[in-house]
């Protein structure tokens, strides 16, 4: 190579490197917004305290929604995710935590335990988050929340009597605006409604057991 060509080549390489670094820096600097659910625990009608200890097991999640990025559906058979808008925790953990929090706030049972507790329980409540996404329509967007729960009686030798309650819940809540923040608010509203429904159904099922 001729000596006179070395300097231009070096300069070109440095310029390309600087441009590449600039692009990487701009990409890395893009902020990621993390969302969570936020609502006051719903209140059941005042009821007699039932003598049962319930443990909420950690909910599993459908493979389609087992991730942190917010998932949206804008046409049939397609699910996409935002690059910079994510849930603060896995949808299964969010649903499990808020259900446990709301159950504890009622004081309707002898005790409510989290899934990592070592205390003995009389029943477990387990479930699967089946839907947790944003559905985009031409006129509006909405949050879609769907999950199933199973209430299991512990220490019951008859397997046919172990299942006290098994039910699915599916709610949609219209978002105020077409953006992820409004979806997080709508998902919170859906979770608030679903939580109250679960608590009332579990209480009714256990009250019926208590009368036997």
C-alpha atoms as a PDB file:
ATOM      1  CA  UNK A   1       0.000   0.000   0.000  1.00  0.00           C
ATOM      2  CA  UNK A   2       1.297   3.460  -0.805  1.00  0.00           C
ATOM      3  CA  UNK A   3       2.249   5.552   2.262  1.00  0.00           C
ATOM      4  CA  UNK A   4       0.065   8.423   1.111  1.00  0.00           C
ATOM      5  CA  UNK A   5      -3.099   6.332   1.370  1.00  0.00           C
ATOM      6  CA  UNK A   6      -2.630   5.262   5.009  1.00  0.00           C
ATOM      7  CA  UNK A   7      -3.844   8.508   6.606  1.00  0.00           C
ATOM      8  CA  UNK A   8      -7.143   8.757   4.612  1.00  0.00           C
ATOM      9  CA  UNK A   9      -7.948   5.130   5.413  1.00  0.00           C
ATOM     10  CA  UNK A  10      -7.316   5.672   9.127  1.00  0.00           C
ATOM     11  CA  UNK A  11      -9.484   8.790   9.126  1.00  0.00           C
ATOM     12  CA  UNK A  12     -12.313   6.964   7.370  1.00  0.00           C
ATOM     13  CA  UNK A  13     -12.151   4.128   9.890  1.00  0.00           C
ATOM     14  CA  UNK A  14     -12.278   6.578  12.796  1.00  0.00           C
ATOM     15  CA  UNK A  15     -15.284   8.371  11.314  1.00  0.00           C
ATOM     16  CA  UNK A  16     -17.173   5.113  10.804  1.00  0.00           C
ATOM     17  CA  UNK A  17     -16.364   4.066  14.340  1.00  0.00           C
ATOM     18  CA  UNK A  18     -17.605   7.383  15.711  1.00  0.00           C
ATOM     19  CA  UNK A  19     -20.860   7.130  13.758  1.00  0.00           C
ATOM     20  CA  UNK A  20     -21.373   3.570  14.957  1.00  0.00           C
ATOM     21  CA  UNK A  21     -20.769   4.596  18.568  1.00  0.00           C
ATOM     22  CA  UNK A  22     -23.209   7.468  18.149  1.00  0.00           C
ATOM     23  CA  UNK A  23     -25.936   5.124  16.907  1.00  0.00           C
ATOM     24  CA  UNK A  24     -25.339   2.670  19.745  1.00  0.00           C
ATOM     25  CA  UNK A  25     -25.468   5.486  22.277  1.00  0.00           C
ATOM     26  CA  UNK A  26     -28.750   6.807  20.910  1.00  0.00           C
ATOM     27  CA  UNK A  27     -30.324   3.347  20.987  1.00  0.00           C
ATOM     28  CA  UNK A  28     -29.141   2.594  24.510  1.00  0.00           C
ATOM     29  CA  UNK A  29     -30.391   5.966  25.736  1.00  0.00           C
ATOM     30  CA  UNK A  30     -34.002   5.274  24.745  1.00  0.00           C
ATOM     31  CA  UNK A  31     -35.874   5.019  28.071  1.00  0.00           C
ATOM     32  CA  UNK A  32     -37.896   1.931  28.922  1.00  0.00           C
ATOM     33  CA  UNK A  33     -41.098   2.616  30.850  1.00  0.00           C
ATOM     34  CA  UNK A  34     -42.213  -0.046  33.318  1.00  0.00           C
ATOM     35  CA  UNK A  35     -45.893  -0.326  34.287  1.00  0.00           C
ATOM     36  CA  UNK A  36     -47.698  -2.054  37.122  1.00  0.00           C
ATOM     37  CA  UNK A  37     -51.267  -2.388  38.355  1.00  0.00           C
ATOM     38  CA  UNK A  38     -52.593   0.287  40.677  1.00  0.00           C
ATOM     39  CA  UNK A  39     -55.970   0.235  42.424  1.00  0.00           C
ATOM     40  CA  UNK A  40     -57.521   0.154  45.882  1.00  0.00           C
ATOM     41  CA  UNK A  41     -58.466  -3.288  47.195  1.00  0.00           C
ATOM     42  CA  UNK A  42     -62.175  -3.859  46.491  1.00  0.00           C
ATOM     43  CA  UNK A  43     -64.392  -4.489  49.505  1.00  0.00           C
ATOM     44  CA  UNK A  44     -66.696  -7.458  49.954  1.00  0.00           C
ATOM     45  CA  UNK A  45     -69.901  -7.053  51.886  1.00  0.00           C
ATOM     46  CA  UNK A  46     -69.205  -7.481  55.598  1.00  0.00           C
ATOM     47  CA  UNK A  47     -69.270 -11.206  56.318  1.00  0.00           C
ATOM     48  CA  UNK A  48     -68.511 -13.640  59.095  1.00  0.00           C
ATOM     49  CA  UNK A  49     -64.881 -14.734  59.257  1.00  0.00           C
ATOM     50  CA  UNK A  50     -64.497 -18.301  57.980  1.00  0.00           C
ATOM     51  CA  UNK A  51     -62.093 -20.640  59.832  1.00  0.00           C
ATOM     52  CA  UNK A  52     -59.910 -21.421  56.832  1.00  0.00           C
ATOM     53  CA  UNK A  53     -56.301 -20.679  55.917  1.00  0.00           C
ATOM     54  CA  UNK A  54     -55.850 -20.083  52.190  1.00  0.00           C
ATOM     55  CA  UNK A  55     -52.548 -20.087  50.343  1.00  0.00           C
ATOM     56  CA  UNK A  56     -52.402 -18.396  46.942  1.00  0.00           C
ATOM     57  CA  UNK A  57     -50.012 -20.365  44.787  1.00  0.00           C
ATOM     58  CA  UNK A  58     -47.995 -18.616  42.132  1.00  0.00           C
ATOM     59  CA  UNK A  59     -50.110 -18.429  38.969  1.00  0.00           C
ATOM     60  CA  UNK A  60     -48.664 -19.839  35.770  1.00  0.00           C
ATOM     61  CA  UNK A  61     -49.025 -17.990  32.455  1.00  0.00           C
ATOM     62  CA  UNK A  62     -50.052 -18.969  28.950  1.00  0.00           C
ATOM     63  CA  UNK A  63     -46.990 -19.120  26.641  1.00  0.00           C
ATOM     64  CA  UNK A  64     -48.438 -16.292  24.544  1.00  0.00           C
ATOM     65  CA  UNK A  65     -48.256 -13.841  27.464  1.00  0.00           C
ATOM     66  CA  UNK A  66     -45.396 -15.122  29.610  1.00  0.00           C
ATOM     67  CA  UNK A  67     -43.151 -12.079  29.150  1.00  0.00           C
ATOM     68  CA  UNK A  68     -42.535  -8.538  30.415  1.00  0.00           C
ATOM     69  CA  UNK A  69     -43.067  -6.428  27.247  1.00  0.00           C
ATOM     70  CA  UNK A  70     -46.652  -5.232  26.839  1.00  0.00           C
ATOM     71  CA  UNK A  71     -48.336  -7.357  24.185  1.00  0.00           C
ATOM     72  CA  UNK A  72     -50.829  -5.892  21.742  1.00  0.00           C
ATOM     73  CA  UNK A  73     -53.169  -7.345  19.132  1.00  0.00           C
ATOM     74  CA  UNK A  74     -54.032  -5.189  16.150  1.00  0.00           C
ATOM     75  CA  UNK A  75     -55.267  -7.948  13.839  1.00  0.00           C
ATOM     76  CA  UNK A  76     -56.406 -11.569  14.040  1.00  0.00           C
ATOM     77  CA  UNK A  77     -53.806 -14.262  14.810  1.00  0.00           C
ATOM     78  CA  UNK A  78     -51.071 -11.672  15.420  1.00  0.00           C
ATOM     79  CA  UNK A  79     -49.447 -10.634  18.713  1.00  0.00           C
ATOM     80  CA  UNK A  80     -46.771  -7.957  18.847  1.00  0.00           C
ATOM     81  CA  UNK A  81     -44.827  -6.314  21.668  1.00  0.00           C
ATOM     82  CA  UNK A  82     -43.661  -2.805  22.473  1.00  0.00           C
ATOM     83  CA  UNK A  83     -39.902  -2.305  22.617  1.00  0.00           C
ATOM     84  CA  UNK A  84     -39.931   0.360  25.334  1.00  0.00           C
ATOM     85  CA  UNK A  85     -43.105  -0.332  27.327  1.00  0.00           C
ATOM     86  CA  UNK A  86     -43.022  -3.256  29.741  1.00  0.00           C
ATOM     87  CA  UNK A  87     -44.769  -4.633  32.802  1.00  0.00           C
ATOM     88  CA  UNK A  88     -42.802  -4.309  36.014  1.00  0.00           C
ATOM     89  CA  UNK A  89     -43.299  -8.016  36.710  1.00  0.00           C
ATOM     90  CA  UNK A  90     -44.512 -11.133  34.934  1.00  0.00           C
ATOM     91  CA  UNK A  91     -48.329 -11.150  34.437  1.00  0.00           C
ATOM     92  CA  UNK A  92     -48.603 -14.297  36.564  1.00  0.00           C
ATOM     93  CA  UNK A  93     -46.793 -12.623  39.450  1.00  0.00           C
ATOM     94  CA  UNK A  94     -48.896  -9.473  39.124  1.00  0.00           C
ATOM     95  CA  UNK A  95     -52.186 -11.367  39.263  1.00  0.00           C
ATOM     96  CA  UNK A  96     -50.978 -13.567  42.139  1.00  0.00           C
ATOM     97  CA  UNK A  97     -49.713 -10.643  44.198  1.00  0.00           C
ATOM     98  CA  UNK A  98     -52.796  -8.447  43.811  1.00  0.00           C
ATOM     99  CA  UNK A  99     -55.188 -11.301  44.510  1.00  0.00           C
ATOM    100  CA  UNK A 100     -53.266 -12.160  47.688  1.00  0.00           C
ATOM    101  CA  UNK A 101     -53.211  -8.503  48.728  1.00  0.00           C
ATOM    102  CA  UNK A 102     -56.943  -8.131  48.167  1.00  0.00           C
ATOM    103  CA  UNK A 103     -57.784 -11.367  49.985  1.00  0.00           C
ATOM    104  CA  UNK A 104     -55.757 -10.228  53.011  1.00  0.00           C
ATOM    105  CA  UNK A 105     -57.517  -6.850  53.041  1.00  0.00           C
ATOM    106  CA  UNK A 106     -60.924  -8.476  53.566  1.00  0.00           C
ATOM    107  CA  UNK A 107     -60.306 -10.180  56.928  1.00  0.00           C
ATOM    108  CA  UNK A 108     -62.890 -12.730  55.776  1.00  0.00           C
ATOM    109  CA  UNK A 109     -60.716 -15.798  56.425  1.00  0.00           C
ATOM    110  CA  UNK A 110     -58.629 -17.021  59.354  1.00  0.00           C
ATOM    111  CA  UNK A 111     -55.505 -16.262  57.308  1.00  0.00           C
ATOM    112  CA  UNK A 112     -54.311 -15.723  53.745  1.00  0.00           C
ATOM    113  CA  UNK A 113     -50.781 -16.888  52.905  1.00  0.00           C
ATOM    114  CA  UNK A 114     -48.441 -16.030  50.061  1.00  0.00           C
ATOM    115  CA  UNK A 115     -47.009 -18.853  47.955  1.00  0.00           C
ATOM    116  CA  UNK A 116     -43.612 -18.698  49.690  1.00  0.00           C
ATOM    117  CA  UNK A 117     -45.033 -19.197  53.198  1.00  0.00           C
ATOM    118  CA  UNK A 118     -44.092 -22.281  55.228  1.00  0.00           C
ATOM    119  CA  UNK A 119     -47.228 -22.221  57.366  1.00  0.00           C
ATOM    120  CA  UNK A 120     -49.885 -24.915  57.105  1.00  0.00           C
ATOM    121  CA  UNK A 121     -53.014 -24.182  55.123  1.00  0.00           C
ATOM    122  CA  UNK A 122     -56.473 -25.702  54.752  1.00  0.00           C
ATOM    123  CA  UNK A 123     -56.893 -24.690  51.098  1.00  0.00           C
ATOM    124  CA  UNK A 124     -54.816 -23.527  48.149  1.00  0.00           C
ATOM    125  CA  UNK A 125     -55.901 -21.249  45.338  1.00  0.00           C
ATOM    126  CA  UNK A 126     -53.970 -21.794  42.131  1.00  0.00           C
ATOM    127  CA  UNK A 127     -54.530 -20.531  38.629  1.00  0.00           C
ATOM    128  CA  UNK A 128     -53.412 -19.759  35.100  1.00  0.00           C
ATOM    129  CA  UNK A 129     -53.269 -16.341  33.448  1.00  0.00           C
ATOM    130  CA  UNK A 130     -54.679 -17.060  30.008  1.00  0.00           C
ATOM    131  CA  UNK A 131     -54.958 -13.528  28.573  1.00  0.00           C
ATOM    132  CA  UNK A 132     -53.124 -10.328  29.481  1.00  0.00           C
ATOM    133  CA  UNK A 133     -52.842  -7.960  26.552  1.00  0.00           C
ATOM    134  CA  UNK A 134     -53.865  -4.793  24.752  1.00  0.00           C
ATOM    135  CA  UNK A 135     -56.446  -5.167  21.983  1.00  0.00           C
ATOM    136  CA  UNK A 136     -56.417  -2.366  19.427  1.00  0.00           C
ATOM    137  CA  UNK A 137     -59.570  -1.401  17.588  1.00  0.00           C
ATOM    138  CA  UNK A 138     -60.234   1.354  15.077  1.00  0.00           C
ATOM    139  CA  UNK A 139     -62.266   3.401  17.546  1.00  0.00           C
ATOM    140  CA  UNK A 140     -60.574   2.486  20.823  1.00  0.00           C
ATOM    141  CA  UNK A 141     -58.119   0.232  22.632  1.00  0.00           C
ATOM    142  CA  UNK A 142     -58.933  -2.067  25.535  1.00  0.00           C
ATOM    143  CA  UNK A 143     -57.185  -4.210  28.121  1.00  0.00           C
ATOM    144  CA  UNK A 144     -58.013  -7.913  28.052  1.00  0.00           C
ATOM    145  CA  UNK A 145     -57.578  -9.947  31.237  1.00  0.00           C
ATOM    146  CA  UNK A 146     -58.424 -13.627  31.497  1.00  0.00           C
ATOM    147  CA  UNK A 147     -57.472 -16.242  34.060  1.00  0.00           C
ATOM    148  CA  UNK A 148     -58.785 -19.404  35.673  1.00  0.00           C
ATOM    149  CA  UNK A 149     -58.635 -20.416  39.333  1.00  0.00           C
ATOM    150  CA  UNK A 150     -58.911 -23.697  41.208  1.00  0.00           C
ATOM    151  CA  UNK A 151     -59.621 -23.851  44.944  1.00  0.00           C
ATOM    152  CA  UNK A 152     -58.245 -27.080  46.411  1.00  0.00           C
ATOM    153  CA  UNK A 153     -59.022 -28.584  49.815  1.00  0.00           C
ATOM    154  CA  UNK A 154     -55.869 -29.883  51.451  1.00  0.00           C
ATOM    155  CA  UNK A 155     -55.592 -33.109  53.444  1.00  0.00           C
ATOM    156  CA  UNK A 156     -58.703 -34.520  51.753  1.00  0.00           C
ATOM    157  CA  UNK A 157     -58.196 -38.255  51.098  1.00  0.00           C
ATOM    158  CA  UNK A 158     -61.058 -38.443  48.589  1.00  0.00           C
ATOM    159  CA  UNK A 159     -59.639 -36.991  45.377  1.00  0.00           C
ATOM    160  CA  UNK A 160     -63.138 -36.360  44.012  1.00  0.00           C
ATOM    161  CA  UNK A 161     -63.781 -33.934  46.869  1.00  0.00           C
ATOM    162  CA  UNK A 162     -60.512 -32.012  46.728  1.00  0.00           C
ATOM    163  CA  UNK A 163     -61.717 -29.463  44.162  1.00  0.00           C
ATOM    164  CA  UNK A 164     -63.960 -26.961  45.919  1.00  0.00           C
ATOM    165  CA  UNK A 165     -64.160 -24.406  43.090  1.00  0.00           C
ATOM    166  CA  UNK A 166     -62.939 -24.160  39.526  1.00  0.00           C
ATOM    167  CA  UNK A 167     -63.838 -21.156  37.399  1.00  0.00           C
ATOM    168  CA  UNK A 168     -62.674 -18.898  34.559  1.00  0.00           C
ATOM    169  CA  UNK A 169     -62.792 -15.115  34.550  1.00  0.00           C
ATOM    170  CA  UNK A 170     -62.454 -12.886  31.500  1.00  0.00           C
ATOM    171  CA  UNK A 171     -62.842  -9.125  31.488  1.00  0.00           C
ATOM    172  CA  UNK A 172     -62.250  -6.349  28.971  1.00  0.00           C
ATOM    173  CA  UNK A 173     -61.847  -2.717  29.951  1.00  0.00           C
ATOM    174  CA  UNK A 174     -61.834   0.182  27.498  1.00  0.00           C
ATOM    175  CA  UNK A 175     -58.785   2.450  27.696  1.00  0.00           C
ATOM    176  CA  UNK A 176     -59.302   6.196  27.957  1.00  0.00           C
ATOM    177  CA  UNK A 177     -56.676   6.863  25.298  1.00  0.00           C
ATOM    178  CA  UNK A 178     -54.655   4.921  22.748  1.00  0.00           C
ATOM    179  CA  UNK A 179     -51.386   4.556  24.649  1.00  0.00           C
ATOM    180  CA  UNK A 180     -49.700   2.024  26.984  1.00  0.00           C
ATOM    181  CA  UNK A 181     -50.277   4.135  30.116  1.00  0.00           C
ATOM    182  CA  UNK A 182     -54.033   4.059  29.514  1.00  0.00           C
ATOM    183  CA  UNK A 183     -53.814   0.313  28.943  1.00  0.00           C
ATOM    184  CA  UNK A 184     -52.095  -0.105  32.337  1.00  0.00           C
ATOM    185  CA  UNK A 185     -54.914   1.866  33.953  1.00  0.00           C
ATOM    186  CA  UNK A 186     -57.573  -0.170  32.136  1.00  0.00           C
ATOM    187  CA  UNK A 187     -55.836  -3.425  33.132  1.00  0.00           C
ATOM    188  CA  UNK A 188     -55.872  -2.231  36.746  1.00  0.00           C
ATOM    189  CA  UNK A 189     -59.609  -1.593  36.544  1.00  0.00           C
ATOM    190  CA  UNK A 190     -60.173  -5.044  35.044  1.00  0.00           C
ATOM    191  CA  UNK A 191     -58.076  -6.656  37.782  1.00  0.00           C
ATOM    192  CA  UNK A 192     -60.020  -4.821  40.479  1.00  0.00           C
ATOM    193  CA  UNK A 193     -63.302  -6.195  39.148  1.00  0.00           C
ATOM    194  CA  UNK A 194     -61.923  -9.702  38.651  1.00  0.00           C
ATOM    195  CA  UNK A 195     -60.403  -9.771  42.130  1.00  0.00           C
ATOM    196  CA  UNK A 196     -63.730  -8.976  43.766  1.00  0.00           C
ATOM    197  CA  UNK A 197     -65.456 -11.683  41.717  1.00  0.00           C
ATOM    198  CA  UNK A 198     -62.866 -14.284  42.756  1.00  0.00           C
ATOM    199  CA  UNK A 199     -63.077 -13.357  46.436  1.00  0.00           C
ATOM    200  CA  UNK A 200     -66.871 -13.509  46.456  1.00  0.00           C
ATOM    201  CA  UNK A 201     -66.876 -16.887  44.676  1.00  0.00           C
ATOM    202  CA  UNK A 202     -64.233 -18.359  46.997  1.00  0.00           C
ATOM    203  CA  UNK A 203     -66.045 -17.075  50.060  1.00  0.00           C
ATOM    204  CA  UNK A 204     -69.363 -18.514  48.863  1.00  0.00           C
ATOM    205  CA  UNK A 205     -67.768 -21.884  48.122  1.00  0.00           C
ATOM    206  CA  UNK A 206     -66.091 -22.099  51.522  1.00  0.00           C
ATOM    207  CA  UNK A 207     -69.207 -20.884  53.328  1.00  0.00           C
ATOM    208  CA  UNK A 208     -71.092 -23.738  51.691  1.00  0.00           C
ATOM    209  CA  UNK A 209     -68.365 -26.152  52.843  1.00  0.00           C
ATOM    210  CA  UNK A 210     -68.638 -24.750  56.371  1.00  0.00           C
ATOM    211  CA  UNK A 211     -72.359 -25.509  56.481  1.00  0.00           C
ATOM    212  CA  UNK A 212     -71.900 -29.188  55.612  1.00  0.00           C
END
